[in-house]
């Protein structure tokens, strides 16, 4: 089965510590169309703290999914390239995102 490229969009995400479990997780960065508490399913290497410290920001290509009518979540295919972003790059990305939405 092939991937529908049109269903994917770029989203800035960040790693944070889950307050309930204390484990790292990935969430969308604030200022986009997605809630910051929305689940993100992506490669586990992004939450590997020996590789990327908590607070690292990434640019992922994601699509919205809801497995069998469940809660919607963002899905990033594990084989897609991942871009690590600085705070300045995230701010520029969000500024571009705001311009494109008008």
Protein backbone atom coordinates (compact mmCIF):
# COMPACT_ATOMS: atom_id res chain seq x y z
CA UNK A 1 0.00 0.00 0.00
CA UNK A 2 1.36 3.40 -0.93
CA UNK A 3 1.34 6.50 1.23
CA UNK A 4 -0.90 9.40 0.25
CA UNK A 5 1.59 12.27 0.18
CA UNK A 6 -1.22 14.85 0.13
CA UNK A 7 -2.45 13.68 3.55
CA UNK A 8 0.84 14.58 5.25
CA UNK A 9 1.83 18.06 6.47
CA UNK A 10 4.79 19.47 8.33
CA UNK A 11 4.34 19.99 12.07
CA UNK A 12 6.78 21.24 14.69
CA UNK A 13 6.89 18.92 17.71
CA UNK A 14 8.92 18.80 20.92
CA UNK A 15 9.91 16.24 23.51
CA UNK A 16 8.58 16.80 27.03
CA UNK A 17 8.29 14.78 30.23
CA UNK A 18 4.84 13.28 30.72
CA UNK A 19 3.61 14.54 34.13
CA UNK A 20 1.80 11.27 34.87
CA UNK A 21 4.49 8.75 34.01
CA UNK A 22 7.63 10.89 34.11
CA UNK A 23 8.70 9.42 30.75
CA UNK A 24 9.51 11.53 27.69
CA UNK A 25 6.85 11.92 25.01
CA UNK A 26 6.40 13.94 21.82
CA UNK A 27 3.76 16.67 21.49
CA UNK A 28 2.94 19.42 18.98
CA UNK A 29 4.48 22.82 19.66
CA UNK A 30 1.99 25.47 20.75
CA UNK A 31 0.82 27.92 18.06
CA UNK A 32 -0.28 25.40 15.45
CA UNK A 33 -3.64 23.90 14.55
CA UNK A 34 -3.12 20.97 16.92
CA UNK A 35 -3.61 20.86 20.69
CA UNK A 36 -0.44 20.41 22.72
CA UNK A 37 -1.96 17.40 24.48
CA UNK A 38 -2.59 15.55 21.20
CA UNK A 39 -0.73 12.23 20.95
CA UNK A 40 2.03 11.90 18.36
CA UNK A 41 3.03 8.46 17.13
CA UNK A 42 6.54 8.54 15.69
CA UNK A 43 9.92 6.83 15.82
CA UNK A 44 10.97 5.86 19.35
CA UNK A 45 14.42 7.24 18.70
CA UNK A 46 13.00 10.77 19.20
CA UNK A 47 12.32 10.07 22.89
CA UNK A 48 15.74 8.48 23.47
CA UNK A 49 17.22 10.93 26.00
CA UNK A 50 20.76 9.72 25.33
CA UNK A 51 20.33 10.90 21.74
CA UNK A 52 18.06 13.94 22.13
CA UNK A 53 17.64 15.73 25.47
CA UNK A 54 14.13 16.55 26.72
CA UNK A 55 13.01 19.80 25.12
CA UNK A 56 14.44 19.05 21.68
CA UNK A 57 12.24 20.31 18.85
CA UNK A 58 11.72 18.45 15.58
CA UNK A 59 10.02 19.03 12.24
CA UNK A 60 7.97 15.99 11.25
CA UNK A 61 5.76 15.13 8.33
CA UNK A 62 2.53 13.87 9.92
CA UNK A 63 -1.06 12.98 9.13
CA UNK A 64 -4.11 12.90 11.36
CA UNK A 65 -5.31 9.41 12.19
CA UNK A 66 -7.89 7.78 14.43
CA UNK A 67 -7.55 4.07 14.77
CA UNK A 68 -10.99 2.43 14.62
CA UNK A 69 -12.87 5.56 15.64
CA UNK A 70 -10.70 6.27 18.68
CA UNK A 71 -9.13 9.53 19.80
CA UNK A 72 -7.42 11.39 16.90
CA UNK A 73 -3.62 11.49 16.94
CA UNK A 74 -0.76 12.58 14.69
CA UNK A 75 1.11 9.82 12.88
CA UNK A 76 4.64 10.22 11.50
CA UNK A 77 6.02 7.38 9.41
CA UNK A 78 9.21 6.08 11.07
CA UNK A 79 11.17 6.12 7.79
CA UNK A 80 10.68 9.82 7.03
CA UNK A 81 13.59 12.19 7.66
CA UNK A 82 13.52 14.10 10.94
CA UNK A 83 14.86 17.65 11.25
CA UNK A 84 16.10 18.92 14.62
CA UNK A 85 15.08 22.57 15.02
CA UNK A 86 16.46 25.39 17.16
CA UNK A 87 14.16 27.84 18.96
CA UNK A 88 14.77 30.39 16.21
CA UNK A 89 13.86 27.90 13.46
CA UNK A 90 10.67 26.93 15.30
CA UNK A 91 9.73 30.61 15.63
CA UNK A 92 10.33 31.15 11.89
CA UNK A 93 8.33 28.03 11.04
CA UNK A 94 5.40 29.18 13.19
CA UNK A 95 5.56 32.65 11.61
CA UNK A 96 5.42 31.11 8.12
CA UNK A 97 2.59 28.85 9.26
CA UNK A 98 0.58 31.88 10.42
CA UNK A 99 1.14 33.64 7.09
CA UNK A 100 0.00 30.61 5.12
CA UNK A 101 -3.23 30.32 7.12
CA UNK A 102 -4.48 33.82 6.20
